[in-house]
């Protein structure tokens, strides 16, 4: 079996959170200005900026509503094109929030950036070791008996023999 040790490098945070289609700059918007949030599908008033690595306008509906990032422009593009983890990191929200935004914007679960992230993760040492262990088990008939159903067959034979 050929060695894949040269491929097994642990992914760094810089790789995990890389924005492939950026850069995404902070928009220049005055506090008090009205913007249309693509996720809320309504106008919101800019009430401040986030403290994330990429500061972004925070909006609130007129007179009521929760404060949240205004998903428009570069942030909307990032949600559509970048990996969930990268958007969450750079814009200072949770991955669950990005997932919610992606659903609202009808973004598929896996885009190009997510595919790259999953591919790179599959090359990490722990995952490669798991694949090697599974491959070795599949080649050993005794160790692989349970998956092949041979363990069940032996159990049924033993139950039948005990009942006679």
Foldseek 3Di string as FASTA:
>chain_A
DDDPVVLADDDDPCLLQPQPPDDDAEDDDDAQDWDAALLVRGIWGFHDWDPFQHIATWTAHPPDGDIDGRCDDPNVVCLQAAALNNSCRRHVHDSVVSVSSCVSVVHDNDHPNNVVSVVSNCSHPVNVVVVVVVVVQVVDCVSCCVVVCNVVVVVVVVVVVVVD
